[in-house]
Amino acid sequence: MKCEKKNILLILLLMILSLTSLGVETREGGTQGKKFITIGTAPISGLFYPIGLSFSRFIKEAGYNCSVRSTGGSGDNIDLILDDKVEIAIAMSDSVVQAYKGTGAYENREAAKGLRCIMGLHYNYVQIITRKNSNIKKFEDLKGKKVGLGVYNSGVELNARLIYEVHNMNYSDTEVTYASPGELVEQLKKGVLDAIFLTNGIPNPVITNLQKEIDIGFVSMSNDKIKKLVDSHAFFHKEIINKKIYNLKKDVYTVGVKDIVICDARLSDKVVYDITKSIIENLDELKNEHEVIRRNVFLENSLENIKIPFHNGAIKYYKEKGILK
């Protein structure tokens, strides 16, 4: 019996030692062995997920264990950051600013002052898609229609709320559906939905693939409504989708919000420094892999129009490289 107890104790001791040797990362920055970084992205059918896969590869090359997590998008990613479920995430700046300030969709929650930016990515364009033969020509024509708004509390859905508001409309004026980009496209093709929001970079491969199957139209916003949005919310910018992008007959007038890479202020400076370096120094490769990055992301504009503080680790890297004074 004593021998059996000794063997059990020995096995338990070996298990503890083996777990200890794997190492853990703490939010204060102390590390033992390898560290693990999880990246929050979006539904697999969106653009955040493949970009996250590229980030993961770069971060692994920098010596970290890394995985990509498919999520509901910006709102989900913000919660995952705050709950310590992911280390970094991609999110639309409108969602992040509202969470940081405790306004808009986050007005009943404590302001998330711990959110920090690592870098800016491309601008997302609000792209409202219909079937070409529909009678939806302007935003107000959506009244009484079936509209897909993206995943609930995603960046797409949160900016849709503000766009409805500026047009003096509520969701109750339409029949809304919450779903991933891929699901919304399928429902538009089948005629289940009359219009869908696909807020993302341009050209959006989801839209270019859709064009191969059905004739589509875009809903432009009026200049006065765009101006009102931009004046009211600093994260919105007036944008024009050039007709050549999707081979249209005329340009599309809309608004855009910037995608940013975020983390929590408690994540160690060294970890964030290494993550920032691994992404920035592989920017050319990132551009080769993603057309939306190639067209829209440059070092010169990656730090512009960021409405929350940068993480100290990112600041250190940018100052070393002369990108930030």
Protein backbone atom coordinates (compact mmCIF):
# COMPACT_ATOMS: atom_id res chain seq x y z
CA MET A 1 0.00 0.00 0.00
CA LYS A 2 2.81 2.40 0.94
CA CYS A 3 4.54 1.60 -2.34
CA GLU A 4 1.36 2.37 -4.29
CA LYS A 5 0.99 5.74 -2.48
CA LYS A 6 4.60 6.61 -3.27
CA ASN A 7 4.05 5.79 -6.94
CA ILE A 8 0.92 7.96 -7.05
CA LEU A 9 2.77 10.87 -5.43
CA LEU A 10 5.65 10.45 -7.88
CA ILE A 11 3.27 10.50 -10.86
CA LEU A 12 1.55 13.65 -9.54
CA LEU A 13 4.91 15.35 -9.03
CA LEU A 14 6.01 14.50 -12.57
CA MET A 15 2.72 15.87 -13.96
CA ILE A 16 3.18 19.15 -12.08
CA LEU A 17 6.75 19.49 -13.32
CA SER A 18 5.74 18.79 -16.91
CA LEU A 19 2.97 21.42 -16.78
CA THR A 20 5.33 23.95 -15.25
CA SER A 21 7.86 23.40 -18.03
CA LEU A 22 5.28 24.42 -20.65
CA GLY A 23 5.32 27.96 -19.30
CA VAL A 24 2.61 30.57 -18.95
CA GLU A 25 2.20 34.23 -19.82
CA THR A 26 0.96 36.71 -17.26
CA ARG A 27 -0.72 40.03 -18.03
CA GLU A 28 1.99 41.76 -16.02
CA GLY A 29 4.54 40.54 -18.53
CA GLY A 30 6.37 37.83 -16.63
CA THR A 31 6.91 34.80 -18.84
CA GLN A 32 8.18 31.28 -18.46
CA GLY A 33 8.87 29.26 -21.58
CA LYS A 34 6.68 29.83 -24.61
CA LYS A 35 3.82 32.34 -24.64
CA PHE A 36 0.44 31.91 -26.29
CA ILE A 37 -1.34 34.61 -28.28
CA THR A 38 -4.96 34.20 -29.40
CA ILE A 39 -6.28 36.53 -32.11
CA GLY A 40 -9.96 37.48 -32.21
CA THR A 41 -11.23 37.91 -35.77
CA ALA A 42 -14.78 37.48 -37.17
CA PRO A 43 -16.89 34.85 -38.95
CA ILE A 44 -14.80 32.75 -41.35
CA SER A 45 -16.69 34.22 -44.31
CA GLY A 46 -15.52 37.76 -43.42
CA LEU A 47 -12.18 39.50 -44.06
CA PHE A 48 -10.91 39.65 -40.46
CA TYR A 49 -10.41 35.89 -40.27
CA PRO A 50 -7.94 35.44 -43.19
CA ILE A 51 -6.05 38.56 -42.10
CA GLY A 52 -5.84 37.04 -38.61
CA LEU A 53 -4.36 33.88 -40.11
CA SER A 54 -1.57 35.94 -41.66
CA PHE A 55 -0.97 37.73 -38.35
CA SER A 56 -0.76 34.35 -36.63
CA ARG A 57 1.97 33.15 -38.96
CA PHE A 58 4.05 36.29 -38.42
CA ILE A 59 3.63 36.10 -34.64
CA LYS A 60 4.67 32.43 -34.65
CA GLU A 61 7.81 33.37 -36.59
CA ALA A 62 8.55 35.84 -33.77
CA GLY A 63 8.69 32.91 -31.34
CA TYR A 64 5.17 32.81 -29.92
CA ASN A 65 2.53 30.11 -29.94
CA CYS A 66 -0.50 31.59 -31.66
CA SER A 67 -4.03 30.69 -32.73
CA VAL A 68 -6.88 32.42 -34.56
CA ARG A 69 -10.38 32.48 -33.12
CA SER A 70 -13.46 32.94 -35.29
CA THR A 71 -15.83 35.34 -33.50
CA GLY A 72 -18.96 37.40 -34.00
CA GLY A 73 -16.88 40.42 -35.00
CA SER A 74 -16.00 43.73 -33.37
CA GLY A 75 -18.40 43.70 -30.42
CA ASP A 76 -17.55 40.11 -29.58
CA ASN A 77 -13.82 40.85 -29.89
CA ILE A 78 -14.03 43.80 -27.51
CA ASP A 79 -15.70 41.61 -24.89
CA LEU A 80 -13.14 38.85 -25.42
CA ILE A 81 -10.30 41.35 -24.88
CA LEU A 82 -11.90 42.71 -21.72
CA ASP A 83 -12.57 39.18 -20.42
CA ASP A 84 -8.96 38.06 -21.09
CA LYS A 85 -10.14 35.44 -23.58
CA VAL A 86 -7.96 36.72 -26.43
CA GLU A 87 -4.74 38.74 -26.39
CA ILE A 88 -5.29 40.82 -29.54
CA ALA A 89 -8.19 41.33 -31.93
CA ILE A 90 -9.28 43.19 -35.04
CA ALA A 91 -12.23 45.56 -34.61
CA MET A 92 -13.92 48.47 -36.28
CA SER A 93 -13.03 51.78 -34.65
CA ASP A 94 -16.68 52.83 -34.23
CA SER A 95 -17.30 49.90 -31.89
CA VAL A 96 -14.00 50.41 -30.07
CA VAL A 97 -14.53 54.14 -29.50
CA GLN A 98 -18.06 53.59 -28.17
CA ALA A 99 -16.78 50.89 -25.79
CA TYR A 100 -13.82 53.05 -24.70
CA LYS A 101 -16.06 56.04 -23.93
CA GLY A 102 -19.08 54.09 -22.69
CA THR A 103 -21.36 55.72 -25.26
CA GLY A 104 -23.77 54.60 -27.98
CA ALA A 105 -24.19 50.85 -27.90
CA TYR A 106 -22.11 50.78 -24.67
CA GLU A 107 -23.82 53.61 -22.78
CA ASN A 108 -25.14 51.26 -20.10
CA ARG A 109 -21.74 49.71 -19.48
CA GLU A 110 -18.62 50.91 -17.70
CA ALA A 111 -16.28 52.70 -20.09
CA ALA A 112 -13.54 50.30 -21.24
CA LYS A 113 -10.62 52.63 -20.59
CA GLY A 114 -8.17 49.72 -20.73
CA LEU A 115 -8.55 49.23 -24.50
CA ARG A 116 -5.42 50.07 -26.48
CA CYS A 117 -4.52 50.22 -30.15
CA ILE A 118 -1.59 48.34 -31.68
CA MET A 119 -1.97 49.59 -35.25
CA GLY A 120 -4.50 50.84 -37.77
CA LEU A 121 -5.49 48.80 -40.80
CA HIS A 122 -7.74 49.69 -43.74
CA TYR A 123 -10.96 51.67 -43.87
CA ASN A 124 -14.19 49.72 -43.99
CA TYR A 125 -16.79 51.06 -46.39
CA VAL A 126 -20.48 50.74 -45.54
CA GLN A 127 -21.70 48.76 -48.55
CA ILE A 128 -25.46 48.33 -48.75
CA ILE A 129 -26.24 45.74 -51.41
CA THR A 130 -29.54 44.99 -53.14
CA ARG A 131 -30.66 43.03 -56.16
CA LYS A 132 -30.36 45.25 -59.23
CA ASN A 133 -34.03 44.86 -60.15
CA SER A 134 -35.24 45.96 -56.70
CA ASN A 135 -36.96 49.31 -56.17
CA ILE A 136 -34.44 50.27 -53.49
CA LYS A 137 -32.52 53.29 -54.78
CA LYS A 138 -31.96 55.37 -51.63
CA PHE A 139 -31.69 54.50 -47.94
CA GLU A 140 -35.25 55.53 -47.11
CA ASP A 141 -36.48 52.93 -49.60
CA LEU A 142 -35.50 50.25 -47.07
CA LYS A 143 -38.67 50.99 -45.08
CA GLY A 144 -40.84 47.90 -44.99
CA LYS A 145 -38.06 45.75 -46.50
CA LYS A 146 -36.18 42.72 -45.18
CA VAL A 147 -32.65 43.84 -44.31
CA GLY A 148 -29.60 41.84 -43.19
CA LEU A 149 -27.42 43.71 -40.69
CA GLY A 150 -24.57 41.32 -39.92
CA VAL A 151 -23.98 39.50 -36.65
CA TYR A 152 -25.68 41.20 -33.69
CA ASN A 153 -23.35 43.67 -31.93
CA SER A 154 -20.73 43.33 -34.67
CA GLY A 155 -19.07 46.43 -36.11
CA VAL A 156 -21.35 46.12 -39.14
CA GLU A 157 -24.46 46.09 -37.00
CA LEU A 158 -23.32 48.90 -34.71
CA ASN A 159 -22.66 51.33 -37.55
CA ALA A 160 -25.96 50.28 -39.16
CA ARG A 161 -27.71 51.49 -35.99
CA LEU A 162 -26.18 54.95 -36.40
CA ILE A 163 -27.01 55.07 -40.10
CA TYR A 164 -30.64 54.17 -39.39
CA GLU A 165 -30.68 56.88 -36.72
CA VAL A 166 -29.38 59.63 -39.01
CA HIS A 167 -32.12 58.76 -41.49
CA ASN A 168 -34.74 59.10 -38.72
CA MET A 169 -35.45 55.38 -38.92
CA ASN A 170 -35.49 52.51 -36.42
CA TYR A 171 -34.96 48.81 -36.93
CA SER A 172 -38.71 48.48 -36.45
CA ASP A 173 -39.16 50.28 -39.79
CA THR A 174 -37.65 47.21 -41.46
CA GLU A 175 -37.62 43.48 -40.87
CA VAL A 176 -34.05 42.86 -39.73
CA THR A 177 -31.97 39.70 -39.81
CA TYR A 178 -28.68 39.11 -37.94
CA ALA A 179 -26.26 36.73 -39.62
CA SER A 180 -22.69 36.30 -40.90
CA PRO A 181 -21.68 37.83 -44.26
CA GLY A 182 -21.83 34.46 -45.98
CA GLU A 183 -25.32 33.76 -44.65
CA LEU A 184 -26.58 37.21 -45.64
CA VAL A 185 -25.30 36.77 -49.20
CA GLU A 186 -27.08 33.43 -49.53
CA GLN A 187 -30.33 34.94 -48.29
CA LEU A 188 -30.03 37.86 -50.72
CA LYS A 189 -29.43 35.45 -53.60
CA LYS A 190 -32.52 33.44 -52.68
CA GLY A 191 -34.67 36.55 -52.37
CA VAL A 192 -35.20 36.02 -48.63
CA LEU A 193 -33.65 39.45 -47.99
CA ASP A 194 -34.12 42.66 -49.97
CA ALA A 195 -30.86 44.32 -48.88
CA ILE A 196 -27.77 43.53 -46.81
CA PHE A 197 -25.04 45.50 -45.05
CA LEU A 198 -21.52 44.31 -45.87
CA THR A 199 -19.31 46.86 -44.17
CA ASN A 200 -15.75 45.98 -45.14
CA GLY A 201 -12.73 46.92 -47.18
CA ILE A 202 -12.89 47.27 -50.94
CA PRO A 203 -12.91 45.34 -53.11
CA ASN A 204 -14.75 42.86 -50.93
CA PRO A 205 -14.33 39.32 -52.38
CA VAL A 206 -17.72 38.37 -50.92
CA ILE A 207 -19.30 41.02 -53.16
CA THR A 208 -17.21 40.26 -56.26
CA ASN A 209 -18.17 36.59 -55.96
CA LEU A 210 -21.82 37.55 -55.51
CA GLN A 211 -21.67 39.58 -58.73
CA LYS A 212 -20.81 36.42 -60.63
CA GLU A 213 -24.15 34.90 -59.63
CA ILE A 214 -26.69 37.73 -59.58
CA ASP A 215 -26.99 41.35 -60.74
CA ILE A 216 -26.61 43.63 -57.73
CA GLY A 217 -27.07 47.28 -56.93
CA PHE A 218 -25.59 49.59 -54.30
CA VAL A 219 -27.46 52.10 -52.15
CA SER A 220 -25.77 55.50 -51.97
CA MET A 221 -26.22 57.87 -49.04
CA SER A 222 -27.02 61.56 -49.54
CA ASN A 223 -24.35 64.19 -48.87
CA ASP A 224 -26.33 65.81 -46.05
CA LYS A 225 -26.75 62.51 -44.18
CA ILE A 226 -23.05 61.69 -44.67
CA LYS A 227 -22.08 65.11 -43.33
CA LYS A 228 -24.34 64.67 -40.31
CA LEU A 229 -22.77 61.29 -39.52
CA VAL A 230 -19.22 62.61 -39.87
CA ASP A 231 -19.96 65.72 -37.79
CA SER A 232 -21.59 63.65 -35.03
CA HIS A 233 -19.11 60.76 -34.86
CA ALA A 234 -15.37 61.33 -35.30
CA PHE A 235 -14.76 57.71 -36.35
CA PHE A 236 -16.85 58.10 -39.53
CA HIS A 237 -15.29 59.42 -42.74
CA LYS A 238 -16.91 60.32 -46.04
CA GLU A 239 -15.94 57.72 -48.64
CA ILE A 240 -16.60 57.13 -52.32
CA ILE A 241 -16.59 53.65 -53.84
CA ASN A 242 -15.25 54.24 -57.32
CA LYS A 243 -17.50 52.68 -59.94
CA LYS A 244 -14.49 50.83 -61.40
CA ILE A 245 -14.06 48.79 -58.22
CA TYR A 246 -17.19 46.75 -58.90
CA ASN A 247 -17.73 47.70 -62.55
CA LEU A 248 -20.73 49.90 -61.75
CA LYS A 249 -22.36 52.66 -63.81
CA LYS A 250 -21.77 55.32 -61.16
CA ASP A 251 -19.82 55.94 -57.96
CA VAL A 252 -21.32 55.02 -54.59
CA TYR A 253 -21.33 57.63 -51.80
CA THR A 254 -21.08 56.26 -48.30
CA VAL A 255 -19.15 56.43 -45.02
CA GLY A 256 -16.21 54.41 -43.76
CA VAL A 257 -14.70 53.42 -40.42
CA LYS A 258 -11.17 52.24 -39.79
CA ASP A 259 -10.24 48.72 -38.71
CA ILE A 260 -7.72 48.65 -35.89
CA VAL A 261 -5.78 45.96 -34.03
CA ILE A 262 -6.55 46.19 -30.31
CA CYS A 263 -5.41 44.72 -27.02
CA ASP A 264 -5.70 45.39 -23.30
CA ALA A 265 -3.39 47.89 -21.58
CA ARG A 266 -2.37 45.12 -19.16
CA LEU A 267 -0.72 43.04 -21.88
CA SER A 268 3.03 43.35 -21.37
CA ASP A 269 5.00 45.99 -23.27
CA LYS A 270 7.44 43.36 -24.56
CA VAL A 271 4.70 41.14 -25.96
CA VAL A 272 2.99 44.05 -27.71
CA TYR A 273 6.33 45.34 -28.99
CA ASP A 274 7.06 41.92 -30.52
CA ILE A 275 3.58 41.63 -32.02
CA THR A 276 3.79 45.12 -33.53
CA LYS A 277 7.21 44.41 -34.98
CA SER A 278 6.15 41.05 -36.41
CA ILE A 279 3.20 42.60 -38.28
CA ILE A 280 4.82 45.83 -39.48
CA GLU A 281 7.99 44.13 -40.70
CA ASN A 282 5.89 41.65 -42.69
CA LEU A 283 3.59 44.31 -44.15
CA ASP A 284 4.75 43.68 -47.72
CA GLU A 285 3.92 40.00 -47.39
CA LEU A 286 0.57 40.89 -45.84
CA LYS A 287 -0.18 43.07 -48.86
CA ASN A 288 0.66 40.25 -51.24
CA GLU A 289 -1.86 38.02 -49.47
CA HIS A 290 -4.75 40.46 -49.09
CA GLU A 291 -5.84 42.88 -51.81
CA VAL A 292 -7.71 45.10 -49.37
CA ILE A 293 -4.48 45.58 -47.39
CA ARG A 294 -2.44 46.19 -50.54
CA ARG A 295 -4.79 48.91 -51.73
CA ASN A 296 -5.40 50.68 -48.44
CA VAL A 297 -2.73 50.12 -45.76
CA PHE A 298 0.54 52.04 -45.69
CA LEU A 299 2.88 52.93 -42.85
CA GLU A 300 2.12 56.59 -43.54
CA ASN A 301 -1.58 56.18 -42.71
CA SER A 302 -1.60 53.22 -40.30
CA LEU A 303 -1.42 55.52 -37.25
CA GLU A 304 -3.91 58.12 -38.51
CA ASN A 305 -7.41 58.68 -37.11
CA ILE A 306 -6.93 56.39 -34.12
CA LYS A 307 -9.34 57.57 -31.44
CA ILE A 308 -8.05 55.53 -28.48
CA PRO A 309 -4.55 55.47 -26.93
CA PHE A 310 -1.80 53.29 -28.38
CA HIS A 311 -0.30 50.57 -26.20
CA ASN A 312 3.12 51.49 -24.73
CA GLY A 313 4.73 48.48 -26.41
CA ALA A 314 3.52 49.65 -29.83
CA ILE A 315 4.63 53.22 -29.10
CA LYS A 316 8.13 51.97 -28.26
CA TYR A 317 8.41 50.20 -31.62
CA TYR A 318 7.07 53.14 -33.64
CA LYS A 319 9.44 55.57 -31.92
CA GLU A 320 12.44 53.29 -32.51
CA LYS A 321 11.61 53.18 -36.22
CA GLY A 322 10.93 56.90 -36.47
CA ILE A 323 7.31 56.24 -37.44
CA LEU A 324 6.08 58.14 -34.35
CA LYS A 325 7.72 61.23 -32.92
